[in-house]
């Protein structure tokens, strides 16, 4: 449990939630749900602060954006489960397990990119190209910050 809590710490810390002790699974899952809601609210606020949308653009964009983030959250759920699995198997990770973890991680990335492409087309229907580009830039920066937090905490597979 200690290893799982430490590997998931960046997901929790992104939302400003920290614990001195590892939480039981139910508590950890609850913390992750709270973190997700805070993170999503912060993400939307950050994107909003960097967009100068008219009232009409806002009415068209924000429902699409929330749909997009809901779909991206499904991939975040998969990533959390992947990290939990990795933490549980870390000390005894077989080549087959490593292969499966790697393929799953790449599939998550592929699906995230696919969602960006899907929603880019939808965003382009309701916003000028420059505003769409700005929204995608903001999303990319937020994704990079989150990825950095995870990357600096999740250890490499032990060398053999």
N, C-alpha and C. Protein backbone atom coordinates (compact mmCIF):
# COMPACT_ATOMS: atom_id res chain seq x y z
N UNK A 1 0.83 -1.20 0.00
CA UNK A 1 0.00 0.00 0.00
C UNK A 1 0.87 1.25 0.00
N UNK A 2 1.97 1.22 0.73
CA UNK A 2 2.89 2.37 0.79
C UNK A 2 3.35 2.72 -0.63
N UNK A 3 3.72 1.71 -1.41
CA UNK A 3 4.21 1.94 -2.76
C UNK A 3 3.12 2.52 -3.64
N UNK A 4 1.90 2.00 -3.52
CA UNK A 4 0.78 2.52 -4.32
C UNK A 4 0.55 3.98 -3.97
N UNK A 5 0.51 4.30 -2.69
CA UNK A 5 0.28 5.68 -2.27
C UNK A 5 1.37 6.60 -2.80
N UNK A 6 2.62 6.14 -2.76
CA UNK A 6 3.71 7.00 -3.22
C UNK A 6 3.68 7.17 -4.74
N UNK A 7 3.26 6.14 -5.47
CA UNK A 7 3.18 6.27 -6.92
C UNK A 7 2.01 7.15 -7.36
N UNK A 8 0.95 7.14 -6.58
CA UNK A 8 -0.21 7.94 -6.93
C UNK A 8 -0.15 9.35 -6.36
N UNK A 9 0.85 9.63 -5.55
CA UNK A 9 0.99 10.95 -4.92
C UNK A 9 0.91 12.10 -5.92
N UNK A 10 1.56 12.03 -7.09
CA UNK A 10 1.47 13.17 -7.99
C UNK A 10 0.05 13.45 -8.46
N UNK A 11 -0.75 12.41 -8.59
CA UNK A 11 -2.13 12.64 -9.00
C UNK A 11 -2.90 13.36 -7.91
N UNK A 12 -2.61 12.99 -6.67
CA UNK A 12 -3.28 13.63 -5.54
C UNK A 12 -2.71 15.03 -5.32
N UNK A 13 -1.39 15.17 -5.39
CA UNK A 13 -0.76 16.46 -5.13
C UNK A 13 -1.12 17.51 -6.18
N UNK A 14 -1.42 17.08 -7.40
CA UNK A 14 -1.83 18.02 -8.44
C UNK A 14 -3.04 18.84 -7.98
N UNK A 15 -3.83 18.24 -7.10
CA UNK A 15 -5.02 18.93 -6.60
C UNK A 15 -4.81 19.48 -5.20
N UNK A 16 -3.60 19.38 -4.69
CA UNK A 16 -3.31 19.94 -3.38
C UNK A 16 -3.74 19.08 -2.22
N UNK A 17 -3.93 17.79 -2.45
CA UNK A 17 -4.32 16.88 -1.38
C UNK A 17 -3.13 16.01 -1.06
N UNK A 18 -2.71 16.02 0.19
CA UNK A 18 -1.58 15.19 0.61
C UNK A 18 -1.92 14.53 1.92
N UNK A 19 -1.29 13.40 2.16
CA UNK A 19 -1.51 12.69 3.40
C UNK A 19 -0.17 12.23 3.95
N UNK A 20 0.01 12.32 5.25
CA UNK A 20 1.25 11.89 5.87
C UNK A 20 1.34 10.37 5.90
N UNK A 21 0.21 9.68 5.90
CA UNK A 21 0.20 8.23 5.95
C UNK A 21 -0.49 7.70 4.71
N UNK A 22 -0.07 6.49 4.25
CA UNK A 22 -0.78 5.91 3.13
C UNK A 22 -2.22 5.61 3.52
N UNK A 23 -3.11 5.83 2.59
CA UNK A 23 -4.52 5.63 2.87
C UNK A 23 -4.93 4.21 2.49
N UNK A 24 -5.93 3.65 3.17
CA UNK A 24 -6.46 2.38 2.71
C UNK A 24 -7.04 2.56 1.32
N UNK A 25 -7.23 1.45 0.59
CA UNK A 25 -7.70 1.53 -0.79
C UNK A 25 -8.94 2.40 -0.96
N UNK A 26 -9.96 2.23 -0.10
CA UNK A 26 -11.19 3.01 -0.23
C UNK A 26 -10.91 4.49 -0.04
N UNK A 27 -10.09 4.81 0.95
CA UNK A 27 -9.74 6.20 1.20
C UNK A 27 -8.91 6.77 0.05
N UNK A 28 -8.00 5.96 -0.47
CA UNK A 28 -7.19 6.39 -1.60
C UNK A 28 -8.07 6.69 -2.80
N UNK A 29 -9.02 5.80 -3.08
CA UNK A 29 -9.93 6.03 -4.19
C UNK A 29 -10.76 7.30 -3.97
N UNK A 30 -11.19 7.52 -2.74
CA UNK A 30 -11.95 8.73 -2.42
C UNK A 30 -11.08 9.97 -2.62
N UNK A 31 -9.83 9.92 -2.15
CA UNK A 31 -8.91 11.04 -2.35
C UNK A 31 -8.68 11.31 -3.83
N UNK A 32 -8.57 10.24 -4.61
CA UNK A 32 -8.38 10.42 -6.05
C UNK A 32 -9.60 11.07 -6.71
N UNK A 33 -10.79 10.70 -6.26
CA UNK A 33 -12.00 11.31 -6.81
C UNK A 33 -12.08 12.79 -6.45
N UNK A 34 -11.74 13.12 -5.22
CA UNK A 34 -11.71 14.53 -4.80
C UNK A 34 -10.66 15.28 -5.61
N UNK A 35 -9.49 14.67 -5.73
CA UNK A 35 -8.41 15.30 -6.50
C UNK A 35 -8.84 15.54 -7.93
N UNK A 36 -9.51 14.55 -8.52
CA UNK A 36 -9.96 14.71 -9.90
C UNK A 36 -10.93 15.87 -10.04
N UNK A 37 -11.90 15.98 -9.13
CA UNK A 37 -12.87 17.06 -9.26
C UNK A 37 -12.20 18.42 -9.09
N UNK A 38 -11.28 18.51 -8.13
CA UNK A 38 -10.55 19.78 -7.95
C UNK A 38 -9.65 20.08 -9.14
N UNK A 39 -8.98 19.04 -9.63
CA UNK A 39 -8.09 19.22 -10.78
C UNK A 39 -8.88 19.66 -12.00
N UNK A 40 -10.03 19.03 -12.23
CA UNK A 40 -10.84 19.40 -13.39
C UNK A 40 -11.36 20.83 -13.26
N UNK A 41 -11.77 21.22 -12.07
CA UNK A 41 -12.23 22.60 -11.85
C UNK A 41 -11.09 23.58 -12.09
N UNK A 42 -9.90 23.24 -11.57
CA UNK A 42 -8.74 24.11 -11.79
C UNK A 42 -8.35 24.16 -13.26
N UNK A 43 -8.44 23.02 -13.92
CA UNK A 43 -8.09 22.96 -15.35
C UNK A 43 -9.03 23.85 -16.15
N UNK A 44 -10.33 23.72 -15.90
CA UNK A 44 -11.28 24.54 -16.64
C UNK A 44 -11.07 26.03 -16.33
N UNK A 45 -10.79 26.34 -15.09
CA UNK A 45 -10.54 27.74 -14.72
C UNK A 45 -9.29 28.27 -15.41
N UNK A 46 -8.26 27.43 -15.52
CA UNK A 46 -7.02 27.85 -16.19
C UNK A 46 -7.27 28.09 -17.68
N UNK A 47 -7.99 27.17 -18.31
CA UNK A 47 -8.31 27.35 -19.72
C UNK A 47 -9.16 28.61 -19.91
N UNK A 48 -10.15 28.78 -19.05
CA UNK A 48 -11.03 29.95 -19.15
C UNK A 48 -10.24 31.25 -18.99
N UNK A 49 -9.30 31.26 -18.05
CA UNK A 49 -8.52 32.46 -17.82
C UNK A 49 -7.64 32.82 -19.01
N UNK A 50 -7.35 31.84 -19.84
CA UNK A 50 -6.48 32.07 -20.99
C UNK A 50 -7.24 32.21 -22.30
N UNK A 51 -8.55 32.22 -22.21
CA UNK A 51 -9.39 32.37 -23.40
C UNK A 51 -10.21 33.65 -23.25
N UNK A 52 -10.36 34.35 -24.31
CA UNK A 52 -11.23 35.52 -24.31
C UNK A 52 -12.40 35.19 -25.24
N UNK A 53 -13.38 34.50 -24.65
CA UNK A 53 -14.51 34.04 -25.44
C UNK A 53 -15.68 35.02 -25.33
N UNK A 54 -16.37 35.18 -26.43
CA UNK A 54 -17.61 35.95 -26.40
C UNK A 54 -18.66 35.10 -25.70
N UNK A 55 -19.79 35.70 -25.39
CA UNK A 55 -20.86 34.94 -24.74
C UNK A 55 -21.33 33.79 -25.64
N UNK A 56 -21.48 34.07 -26.92
CA UNK A 56 -21.93 33.03 -27.86
C UNK A 56 -20.88 31.91 -27.97
N UNK A 57 -19.60 32.28 -28.02
CA UNK A 57 -18.54 31.27 -28.08
C UNK A 57 -18.53 30.43 -26.81
N UNK A 58 -18.71 31.07 -25.67
CA UNK A 58 -18.73 30.35 -24.39
C UNK A 58 -19.86 29.32 -24.35
N UNK A 59 -21.05 29.73 -24.79
CA UNK A 59 -22.20 28.82 -24.79
C UNK A 59 -21.95 27.60 -25.67
N UNK A 60 -21.22 27.78 -26.74
CA UNK A 60 -20.94 26.67 -27.65
C UNK A 60 -19.74 25.84 -27.20
N UNK A 61 -18.71 26.50 -26.67
CA UNK A 61 -17.45 25.83 -26.35
C UNK A 61 -17.49 25.01 -25.07
N UNK A 62 -17.97 25.60 -23.97
CA UNK A 62 -17.84 24.95 -22.67
C UNK A 62 -18.55 23.61 -22.55
N UNK A 63 -19.73 23.44 -23.13
CA UNK A 63 -20.31 22.08 -23.08
C UNK A 63 -19.44 21.05 -23.82
N UNK A 64 -18.88 21.44 -24.95
CA UNK A 64 -17.98 20.54 -25.68
C UNK A 64 -16.72 20.25 -24.87
N UNK A 65 -16.19 21.29 -24.25
CA UNK A 65 -14.98 21.13 -23.45
C UNK A 65 -15.23 20.17 -22.29
N UNK A 66 -16.39 20.29 -21.64
CA UNK A 66 -16.70 19.39 -20.52
C UNK A 66 -16.86 17.95 -21.03
N UNK A 67 -17.45 17.77 -22.20
CA UNK A 67 -17.54 16.43 -22.81
C UNK A 67 -16.14 15.87 -23.04
N UNK A 68 -15.28 16.71 -23.59
CA UNK A 68 -13.90 16.31 -23.86
C UNK A 68 -13.20 15.88 -22.59
N UNK A 69 -13.32 16.68 -21.54
CA UNK A 69 -12.66 16.35 -20.28
C UNK A 69 -13.25 15.08 -19.64
N UNK A 70 -14.55 14.85 -19.82
CA UNK A 70 -15.16 13.63 -19.31
C UNK A 70 -14.58 12.41 -20.01
N UNK A 71 -14.40 12.51 -21.30
CA UNK A 71 -13.80 11.40 -22.05
C UNK A 71 -12.32 11.22 -21.68
N UNK A 72 -11.62 12.33 -21.47
CA UNK A 72 -10.21 12.23 -21.07
C UNK A 72 -10.10 11.62 -19.67
N UNK A 73 -11.08 11.88 -18.82
CA UNK A 73 -11.06 11.32 -17.46
C UNK A 73 -11.10 9.80 -17.49
N UNK A 74 -11.75 9.23 -18.48
CA UNK A 74 -11.77 7.76 -18.61
C UNK A 74 -10.36 7.23 -18.83
N UNK A 75 -9.57 7.96 -19.60
CA UNK A 75 -8.18 7.54 -19.82
C UNK A 75 -7.35 7.78 -18.56
N UNK A 76 -7.67 8.82 -17.82
CA UNK A 76 -6.99 9.04 -16.54
C UNK A 76 -7.29 7.91 -15.57
N UNK A 77 -8.53 7.43 -15.58
CA UNK A 77 -8.89 6.28 -14.73
C UNK A 77 -8.04 5.07 -15.11
N UNK A 78 -7.88 4.87 -16.40
CA UNK A 78 -7.04 3.74 -16.85
C UNK A 78 -5.60 3.92 -16.39
N UNK A 79 -5.10 5.16 -16.45
CA UNK A 79 -3.73 5.42 -16.02
C UNK A 79 -3.57 5.15 -14.52
N UNK A 80 -4.54 5.58 -13.74
CA UNK A 80 -4.49 5.33 -12.30
C UNK A 80 -4.46 3.83 -12.03
N UNK A 81 -5.31 3.08 -12.72
CA UNK A 81 -5.33 1.62 -12.54
C UNK A 81 -4.00 1.01 -12.98
N UNK A 82 -3.42 1.53 -14.04
CA UNK A 82 -2.13 1.05 -14.52
C UNK A 82 -1.04 1.28 -13.47
N UNK A 83 -1.04 2.47 -12.88
CA UNK A 83 -0.04 2.79 -11.85
C UNK A 83 -0.25 1.91 -10.62
N UNK A 84 -1.51 1.67 -10.26
CA UNK A 84 -1.78 0.77 -9.13
C UNK A 84 -1.23 -0.63 -9.41
N UNK A 85 -1.48 -1.11 -10.61
CA UNK A 85 -0.99 -2.44 -11.00
C UNK A 85 0.53 -2.46 -10.97
N UNK A 86 1.15 -1.44 -11.52
CA UNK A 86 2.61 -1.35 -11.53
C UNK A 86 3.17 -1.36 -10.12
N UNK A 87 2.54 -0.62 -9.24
CA UNK A 87 3.00 -0.56 -7.85
C UNK A 87 2.91 -1.93 -7.18
N UNK A 88 1.82 -2.65 -7.44
CA UNK A 88 1.64 -3.97 -6.83
C UNK A 88 2.65 -4.98 -7.38
N UNK A 89 2.99 -4.85 -8.65
CA UNK A 89 3.85 -5.83 -9.30
C UNK A 89 5.31 -5.39 -9.37
N UNK A 90 5.62 -4.21 -8.88
CA UNK A 90 6.94 -3.60 -9.05
C UNK A 90 8.09 -4.53 -8.68
N UNK A 91 8.03 -5.13 -7.51
CA UNK A 91 9.16 -5.94 -7.02
C UNK A 91 9.28 -7.29 -7.73
N UNK A 92 8.21 -7.75 -8.37
CA UNK A 92 8.24 -9.07 -8.99
C UNK A 92 7.85 -9.02 -10.46
N UNK A 93 7.98 -7.87 -11.09
CA UNK A 93 7.51 -7.66 -12.46
C UNK A 93 8.19 -8.60 -13.45
N UNK A 94 7.38 -9.40 -14.13
CA UNK A 94 7.90 -10.31 -15.16
C UNK A 94 7.97 -9.57 -16.50
N UNK A 95 8.64 -10.18 -17.46
CA UNK A 95 8.70 -9.59 -18.79
C UNK A 95 7.31 -9.48 -19.41
N UNK A 96 6.48 -10.50 -19.21
CA UNK A 96 5.12 -10.45 -19.75
C UNK A 96 4.31 -9.32 -19.12
N UNK A 97 4.46 -9.14 -17.81
CA UNK A 97 3.75 -8.05 -17.14
C UNK A 97 4.27 -6.69 -17.63
N UNK A 98 5.58 -6.58 -17.78
CA UNK A 98 6.17 -5.32 -18.28
C UNK A 98 5.66 -5.02 -19.69
N UNK A 99 5.57 -6.04 -20.51
CA UNK A 99 5.07 -5.88 -21.88
C UNK A 99 3.62 -5.38 -21.87
N UNK A 100 2.79 -5.99 -21.02
CA UNK A 100 1.39 -5.60 -20.93
C UNK A 100 1.24 -4.17 -20.40
N UNK A 101 1.99 -3.82 -19.38
CA UNK A 101 1.95 -2.47 -18.84
C UNK A 101 2.34 -1.45 -19.91
N UNK A 102 3.38 -1.75 -20.65
CA UNK A 102 3.86 -0.84 -21.70
C UNK A 102 2.80 -0.67 -22.79
N UNK A 103 2.22 -1.76 -23.22
CA UNK A 103 1.18 -1.69 -24.27
C UNK A 103 -0.04 -0.92 -23.79
N UNK A 104 -0.41 -1.13 -22.54
CA UNK A 104 -1.55 -0.40 -21.98
C UNK A 104 -1.25 1.09 -21.91
N UNK A 105 -0.05 1.43 -21.46
CA UNK A 105 0.34 2.84 -21.37
C UNK A 105 0.29 3.51 -22.75
N UNK A 106 0.82 2.83 -23.76
CA UNK A 106 0.80 3.39 -25.11
C UNK A 106 -0.62 3.50 -25.65
N UNK A 107 -1.48 2.55 -25.30
CA UNK A 107 -2.88 2.62 -25.72
C UNK A 107 -3.58 3.83 -25.09
N UNK A 108 -3.27 4.08 -23.82
CA UNK A 108 -3.83 5.26 -23.15
C UNK A 108 -3.40 6.53 -23.88
N UNK A 109 -2.12 6.62 -24.20
CA UNK A 109 -1.61 7.78 -24.94
C UNK A 109 -2.30 7.91 -26.30
N UNK A 110 -2.45 6.79 -27.00
CA UNK A 110 -3.09 6.81 -28.31
C UNK A 110 -4.53 7.29 -28.21
N UNK A 111 -5.25 6.80 -27.21
CA UNK A 111 -6.64 7.21 -27.04
C UNK A 111 -6.74 8.69 -26.65
N UNK A 112 -5.82 9.15 -25.82
CA UNK A 112 -5.82 10.58 -25.45
C UNK A 112 -5.59 11.45 -26.69
N UNK A 113 -4.65 11.06 -27.53
CA UNK A 113 -4.40 11.81 -28.76
C UNK A 113 -5.62 11.75 -29.68
N UNK A 114 -6.23 10.58 -29.78
CA UNK A 114 -7.44 10.44 -30.59
C UNK A 114 -8.55 11.36 -30.13
N UNK A 115 -8.70 11.50 -28.82
CA UNK A 115 -9.71 12.41 -28.28
C UNK A 115 -9.38 13.85 -28.63
N UNK A 116 -8.11 14.21 -28.58
CA UNK A 116 -7.72 15.58 -28.96
C UNK A 116 -8.08 15.84 -30.42
N UNK A 117 -7.80 14.87 -31.28
CA UNK A 117 -8.13 15.03 -32.70
C UNK A 117 -9.64 15.12 -32.91
N UNK A 118 -10.39 14.25 -32.23
CA UNK A 118 -11.85 14.25 -32.34
C UNK A 118 -12.44 15.60 -31.90
N UNK A 119 -11.99 16.10 -30.75
CA UNK A 119 -12.55 17.34 -30.23
C UNK A 119 -11.99 18.57 -30.91
N UNK A 120 -10.82 18.47 -31.49
CA UNK A 120 -10.29 19.59 -32.28
C UNK A 120 -11.30 19.93 -33.38
N UNK A 121 -11.79 18.92 -34.05
CA UNK A 121 -12.78 19.13 -35.13
C UNK A 121 -14.06 19.78 -34.58
N UNK A 122 -14.49 19.34 -33.41
CA UNK A 122 -15.70 19.91 -32.80
C UNK A 122 -15.46 21.35 -32.36
N UNK A 123 -14.29 21.61 -31.76
CA UNK A 123 -13.97 22.96 -31.32
C UNK A 123 -13.89 23.92 -32.51
N UNK A 124 -13.33 23.43 -33.62
CA UNK A 124 -13.19 24.28 -34.82
C UNK A 124 -14.54 24.70 -35.39
N UNK A 125 -15.58 23.97 -35.09
CA UNK A 125 -16.91 24.33 -35.56
C UNK A 125 -17.54 25.46 -34.77
N UNK A 126 -17.01 25.73 -33.55
CA UNK A 126 -17.64 26.74 -32.70
C UNK A 126 -16.71 27.90 -32.34
N UNK A 127 -15.42 27.78 -32.66
CA UNK A 127 -14.47 28.84 -32.33
C UNK A 127 -13.57 29.13 -33.52
N UNK A 128 -13.07 30.37 -33.60
CA UNK A 128 -12.06 30.68 -34.62
C UNK A 128 -10.79 29.84 -34.37
N UNK A 129 -10.05 29.59 -35.42
CA UNK A 129 -8.87 28.73 -35.35
C UNK A 129 -7.86 29.17 -34.30
N UNK A 130 -7.64 30.47 -34.17
CA UNK A 130 -6.66 30.96 -33.19
C UNK A 130 -7.11 30.64 -31.76
N UNK A 131 -8.39 30.72 -31.49
CA UNK A 131 -8.89 30.40 -30.15
C UNK A 131 -8.82 28.89 -29.89
N UNK A 132 -9.08 28.11 -30.91
CA UNK A 132 -8.95 26.66 -30.77
C UNK A 132 -7.50 26.31 -30.47
N UNK A 133 -6.58 26.92 -31.21
CA UNK A 133 -5.16 26.66 -30.99
C UNK A 133 -4.76 27.05 -29.57
N UNK A 134 -5.25 28.17 -29.10
CA UNK A 134 -4.92 28.62 -27.74
C UNK A 134 -5.47 27.64 -26.69
N UNK A 135 -6.70 27.16 -26.90
CA UNK A 135 -7.28 26.19 -25.98
C UNK A 135 -6.45 24.91 -25.97
N UNK A 136 -6.04 24.45 -27.14
CA UNK A 136 -5.24 23.23 -27.23
C UNK A 136 -3.86 23.44 -26.61
N UNK A 137 -3.30 24.63 -26.76
CA UNK A 137 -2.02 24.93 -26.11
C UNK A 137 -2.16 24.87 -24.60
N UNK A 138 -3.21 25.46 -24.08
CA UNK A 138 -3.43 25.45 -22.64
C UNK A 138 -3.59 24.01 -22.15
N UNK A 139 -4.35 23.21 -22.87
CA UNK A 139 -4.53 21.80 -22.51
C UNK A 139 -3.18 21.07 -22.52
N UNK A 140 -2.39 21.31 -23.55
CA UNK A 140 -1.09 20.63 -23.67
C UNK A 140 -0.17 21.00 -22.50
N UNK A 141 -0.17 22.26 -22.13
CA UNK A 141 0.66 22.69 -21.00
C UNK A 141 0.20 22.02 -19.70
N UNK A 142 -1.10 21.96 -19.49
CA UNK A 142 -1.63 21.31 -18.29
C UNK A 142 -1.32 19.82 -18.29
N UNK A 143 -1.42 19.19 -19.47
CA UNK A 143 -1.08 17.77 -19.59
C UNK A 143 0.40 17.56 -19.26
N UNK A 144 1.25 18.45 -19.73
CA UNK A 144 2.69 18.32 -19.49
C UNK A 144 3.02 18.45 -18.00
N UNK A 145 2.35 19.37 -17.33
CA UNK A 145 2.56 19.54 -15.88
C UNK A 145 2.16 18.26 -15.15
N UNK A 146 1.02 17.71 -15.50
CA UNK A 146 0.56 16.48 -14.87
C UNK A 146 1.51 15.32 -15.18
N UNK A 147 1.94 15.20 -16.44
CA UNK A 147 2.86 14.13 -16.83
C UNK A 147 4.19 14.25 -16.09
N UNK A 148 4.67 15.46 -15.90
CA UNK A 148 5.92 15.67 -15.18
C UNK A 148 5.79 15.18 -13.73
N UNK A 149 4.68 15.52 -13.10
CA UNK A 149 4.46 15.08 -11.73
C UNK A 149 4.47 13.57 -11.60
N UNK A 150 3.85 12.91 -12.56
CA UNK A 150 3.83 11.45 -12.55
C UNK A 150 5.22 10.91 -12.85
N UNK A 151 5.87 11.45 -13.86
CA UNK A 151 7.18 10.94 -14.29
C UNK A 151 8.23 11.07 -13.19
N UNK A 152 8.18 12.12 -12.44
CA UNK A 152 9.21 12.30 -11.42
C UNK A 152 8.98 11.42 -10.19
N UNK A 153 7.79 10.86 -10.07
CA UNK A 153 7.48 10.03 -8.91
C UNK A 153 7.51 8.53 -9.23
N UNK A 154 7.04 8.16 -10.39
CA UNK A 154 6.99 6.74 -10.74
C UNK A 154 8.38 6.27 -11.13
N UNK A 155 8.92 5.30 -10.39
CA UNK A 155 10.28 4.84 -10.67
C UNK A 155 10.36 4.00 -11.93
N UNK A 156 11.54 3.98 -12.53
CA UNK A 156 11.79 3.11 -13.67
C UNK A 156 11.74 1.65 -13.20
N UNK A 157 11.43 0.79 -14.12
CA UNK A 157 11.47 -0.64 -13.82
C UNK A 157 12.91 -0.98 -13.44
N UNK A 158 13.08 -1.78 -12.39
CA UNK A 158 14.45 -2.09 -11.95
C UNK A 158 15.28 -2.75 -13.06
N UNK A 159 16.53 -2.35 -13.17
CA UNK A 159 17.43 -2.96 -14.13
C UNK A 159 17.77 -4.36 -13.65
N UNK A 160 17.91 -5.25 -14.58
CA UNK A 160 18.26 -6.63 -14.21
C UNK A 160 19.60 -7.00 -14.79
